[in-house]
Amino acid sequence: MTALAAKLVDEFKNLPLEDQRWVCKEILRVAPKLDYGPLTDEELTALADRTFVLLDKEEANAQPR
């Protein structure tokens, strides 16, 4: 990773969550389209697992204490 890329990632982490989401959407909108082909069942399962872990963490952080 270049120094500039590392700086961008560090600054991204300091943004409010809503700004992070906006930046992600914009990056995906302008990023070149890459043709990876269809995902395997194993890849889809791994992606689903990671998604549910992230959702569980968000839910745990959103609950009042």
N, C-alpha and C. Protein backbone atom coordinates (compact mmCIF):
# COMPACT_ATOMS: atom_id res chain seq x y z
N MET A 1 0.86 -1.17 0.00
CA MET A 1 0.00 0.00 0.00
C MET A 1 0.91 1.24 0.00
N THR A 2 0.58 2.18 -0.83
CA THR A 2 1.37 3.42 -0.87
C THR A 2 1.08 4.26 0.37
N ALA A 3 1.95 5.23 0.60
CA ALA A 3 1.74 6.12 1.75
C ALA A 3 0.44 6.91 1.60
N LEU A 4 0.14 7.32 0.37
CA LEU A 4 -1.10 8.07 0.14
C LEU A 4 -2.33 7.20 0.43
N ALA A 5 -2.30 5.96 -0.04
CA ALA A 5 -3.42 5.05 0.21
C ALA A 5 -3.58 4.80 1.71
N ALA A 6 -2.48 4.61 2.42
CA ALA A 6 -2.54 4.39 3.87
C ALA A 6 -3.13 5.61 4.57
N LYS A 7 -2.74 6.81 4.12
CA LYS A 7 -3.27 8.04 4.72
C LYS A 7 -4.77 8.15 4.47
N LEU A 8 -5.20 7.82 3.24
CA LEU A 8 -6.63 7.86 2.93
C LEU A 8 -7.42 6.91 3.82
N VAL A 9 -6.90 5.71 4.00
CA VAL A 9 -7.59 4.72 4.84
C VAL A 9 -7.66 5.22 6.28
N ASP A 10 -6.58 5.78 6.78
CA ASP A 10 -6.58 6.31 8.16
C ASP A 10 -7.60 7.43 8.32
N GLU A 11 -7.63 8.33 7.34
CA GLU A 11 -8.59 9.43 7.43
C GLU A 11 -10.03 8.93 7.29
N PHE A 12 -10.22 7.92 6.45
CA PHE A 12 -11.55 7.32 6.29
C PHE A 12 -12.05 6.77 7.62
N LYS A 13 -11.18 6.12 8.37
CA LYS A 13 -11.56 5.53 9.66
C LYS A 13 -12.03 6.59 10.66
N ASN A 14 -11.56 7.82 10.49
CA ASN A 14 -11.93 8.90 11.41
C ASN A 14 -13.22 9.61 11.03
N LEU A 15 -13.78 9.28 9.87
CA LEU A 15 -15.03 9.91 9.44
C LEU A 15 -16.21 9.36 10.23
N PRO A 16 -17.26 10.16 10.38
CA PRO A 16 -18.50 9.63 10.96
C PRO A 16 -19.04 8.50 10.07
N LEU A 17 -19.79 7.59 10.67
CA LEU A 17 -20.28 6.41 9.95
C LEU A 17 -21.06 6.79 8.69
N GLU A 18 -21.89 7.80 8.76
CA GLU A 18 -22.67 8.20 7.59
C GLU A 18 -21.76 8.66 6.45
N ASP A 19 -20.70 9.39 6.78
CA ASP A 19 -19.74 9.81 5.75
C ASP A 19 -18.99 8.61 5.19
N GLN A 20 -18.65 7.65 6.04
CA GLN A 20 -17.98 6.44 5.55
C GLN A 20 -18.86 5.71 4.53
N ARG A 21 -20.14 5.61 4.84
CA ARG A 21 -21.05 4.94 3.91
C ARG A 21 -21.12 5.69 2.59
N TRP A 22 -21.19 7.01 2.64
CA TRP A 22 -21.26 7.81 1.43
C TRP A 22 -19.99 7.62 0.59
N VAL A 23 -18.83 7.65 1.24
CA VAL A 23 -17.56 7.46 0.53
C VAL A 23 -17.52 6.08 -0.12
N CYS A 24 -17.95 5.06 0.59
CA CYS A 24 -17.97 3.70 0.02
C CYS A 24 -18.85 3.64 -1.23
N LYS A 25 -20.03 4.23 -1.15
CA LYS A 25 -20.94 4.24 -2.30
C LYS A 25 -20.31 4.95 -3.49
N GLU A 26 -19.67 6.09 -3.22
CA GLU A 26 -19.05 6.85 -4.31
C GLU A 26 -17.88 6.08 -4.93
N ILE A 27 -17.08 5.44 -4.11
CA ILE A 27 -15.96 4.65 -4.64
C ILE A 27 -16.49 3.52 -5.51
N LEU A 28 -17.51 2.83 -5.05
CA LEU A 28 -18.09 1.75 -5.85
C LEU A 28 -18.71 2.28 -7.15
N ARG A 29 -19.26 3.48 -7.09
CA ARG A 29 -19.88 4.06 -8.28
C ARG A 29 -18.85 4.39 -9.35
N VAL A 30 -17.69 4.90 -8.94
CA VAL A 30 -16.68 5.34 -9.91
C VAL A 30 -15.60 4.29 -10.20
N ALA A 31 -15.56 3.21 -9.42
CA ALA A 31 -14.54 2.19 -9.61
C ALA A 31 -14.75 1.47 -10.94
N PRO A 32 -13.66 1.06 -11.57
CA PRO A 32 -13.81 0.32 -12.83
C PRO A 32 -14.52 -1.00 -12.58
N LYS A 33 -15.31 -1.40 -13.54
CA LYS A 33 -16.02 -2.68 -13.44
C LYS A 33 -15.06 -3.82 -13.74
N LEU A 34 -14.94 -4.74 -12.81
CA LEU A 34 -14.05 -5.88 -12.98
C LEU A 34 -14.88 -7.13 -13.15
N ASP A 35 -14.50 -7.95 -14.09
CA ASP A 35 -15.25 -9.17 -14.35
C ASP A 35 -14.57 -10.34 -13.65
N TYR A 36 -15.11 -10.70 -12.51
CA TYR A 36 -14.56 -11.81 -11.74
C TYR A 36 -15.24 -13.14 -12.07
N GLY A 37 -16.32 -13.09 -12.79
CA GLY A 37 -17.05 -14.31 -13.07
C GLY A 37 -17.93 -14.68 -11.89
N PRO A 38 -18.66 -15.77 -12.02
CA PRO A 38 -19.57 -16.17 -10.94
C PRO A 38 -18.80 -16.64 -9.70
N LEU A 39 -19.40 -16.39 -8.54
CA LEU A 39 -18.80 -16.83 -7.28
C LEU A 39 -19.14 -18.29 -7.03
N THR A 40 -18.22 -18.98 -6.37
CA THR A 40 -18.48 -20.38 -5.99
C THR A 40 -19.38 -20.40 -4.76
N ASP A 41 -19.93 -21.55 -4.46
CA ASP A 41 -20.74 -21.69 -3.24
C ASP A 41 -19.92 -21.37 -2.00
N GLU A 42 -18.66 -21.79 -2.00
CA GLU A 42 -17.79 -21.53 -0.85
C GLU A 42 -17.54 -20.03 -0.67
N GLU A 43 -17.33 -19.31 -1.78
CA GLU A 43 -17.12 -17.87 -1.70
C GLU A 43 -18.38 -17.17 -1.20
N LEU A 44 -19.53 -17.58 -1.70
CA LEU A 44 -20.79 -16.98 -1.25
C LEU A 44 -21.03 -17.23 0.23
N THR A 45 -20.73 -18.44 0.68
CA THR A 45 -20.90 -18.79 2.10
C THR A 45 -19.96 -17.95 2.97
N ALA A 46 -18.72 -17.79 2.54
CA ALA A 46 -17.75 -16.99 3.31
C ALA A 46 -18.20 -15.53 3.37
N LEU A 47 -18.70 -15.00 2.27
CA LEU A 47 -19.19 -13.62 2.26
C LEU A 47 -20.40 -13.46 3.18
N ALA A 48 -21.30 -14.41 3.15
CA ALA A 48 -22.47 -14.35 4.03
C ALA A 48 -22.04 -14.41 5.50
N ASP A 49 -21.09 -15.29 5.81
CA ASP A 49 -20.60 -15.39 7.19
C ASP A 49 -20.03 -14.06 7.67
N ARG A 50 -19.20 -13.43 6.84
CA ARG A 50 -18.60 -12.15 7.22
C ARG A 50 -19.67 -11.07 7.37
N THR A 51 -20.65 -11.09 6.49
CA THR A 51 -21.72 -10.10 6.56
C THR A 51 -22.49 -10.23 7.88
N PHE A 52 -22.84 -11.45 8.27
CA PHE A 52 -23.59 -11.64 9.50
C PHE A 52 -22.77 -11.27 10.73
N VAL A 53 -21.47 -11.51 10.71
CA VAL A 53 -20.62 -11.10 11.83
C VAL A 53 -20.64 -9.58 11.96
N LEU A 54 -20.51 -8.88 10.83
CA LEU A 54 -20.53 -7.42 10.86
C LEU A 54 -21.88 -6.89 11.33
N LEU A 55 -22.96 -7.50 10.85
CA LEU A 55 -24.29 -7.07 11.28
C LEU A 55 -24.50 -7.31 12.77
N ASP A 56 -24.02 -8.44 13.28
CA ASP A 56 -24.12 -8.72 14.71
C ASP A 56 -23.36 -7.67 15.53
N LYS A 57 -22.16 -7.28 15.05
CA LYS A 57 -21.38 -6.27 15.76
C LYS A 57 -22.10 -4.92 15.76
N GLU A 58 -22.65 -4.55 14.59
CA GLU A 58 -23.39 -3.28 14.53
C GLU A 58 -24.60 -3.30 15.46
N GLU A 59 -25.30 -4.41 15.47
CA GLU A 59 -26.48 -4.51 16.33
C GLU A 59 -26.10 -4.43 17.81
N ALA A 60 -25.01 -5.08 18.18
CA ALA A 60 -24.56 -5.05 19.57
C ALA A 60 -24.16 -3.63 19.98
N ASN A 61 -23.55 -2.89 19.06
CA ASN A 61 -23.14 -1.51 19.36
C ASN A 61 -24.32 -0.56 19.39
N ALA A 62 -25.41 -0.88 18.71
CA ALA A 62 -26.56 0.03 18.61
C ALA A 62 -27.49 -0.11 19.81
N GLN A 63 -27.40 -1.21 20.53
CA GLN A 63 -28.31 -1.44 21.65
C GLN A 63 -27.91 -0.57 22.84
N PRO A 64 -28.91 0.04 23.50
CA PRO A 64 -28.61 0.86 24.68
C PRO A 64 -28.04 -0.01 25.79
N ARG A 65 -27.19 0.61 26.56
CA ARG A 65 -26.53 -0.15 27.65
C ARG A 65 -27.04 0.28 28.98
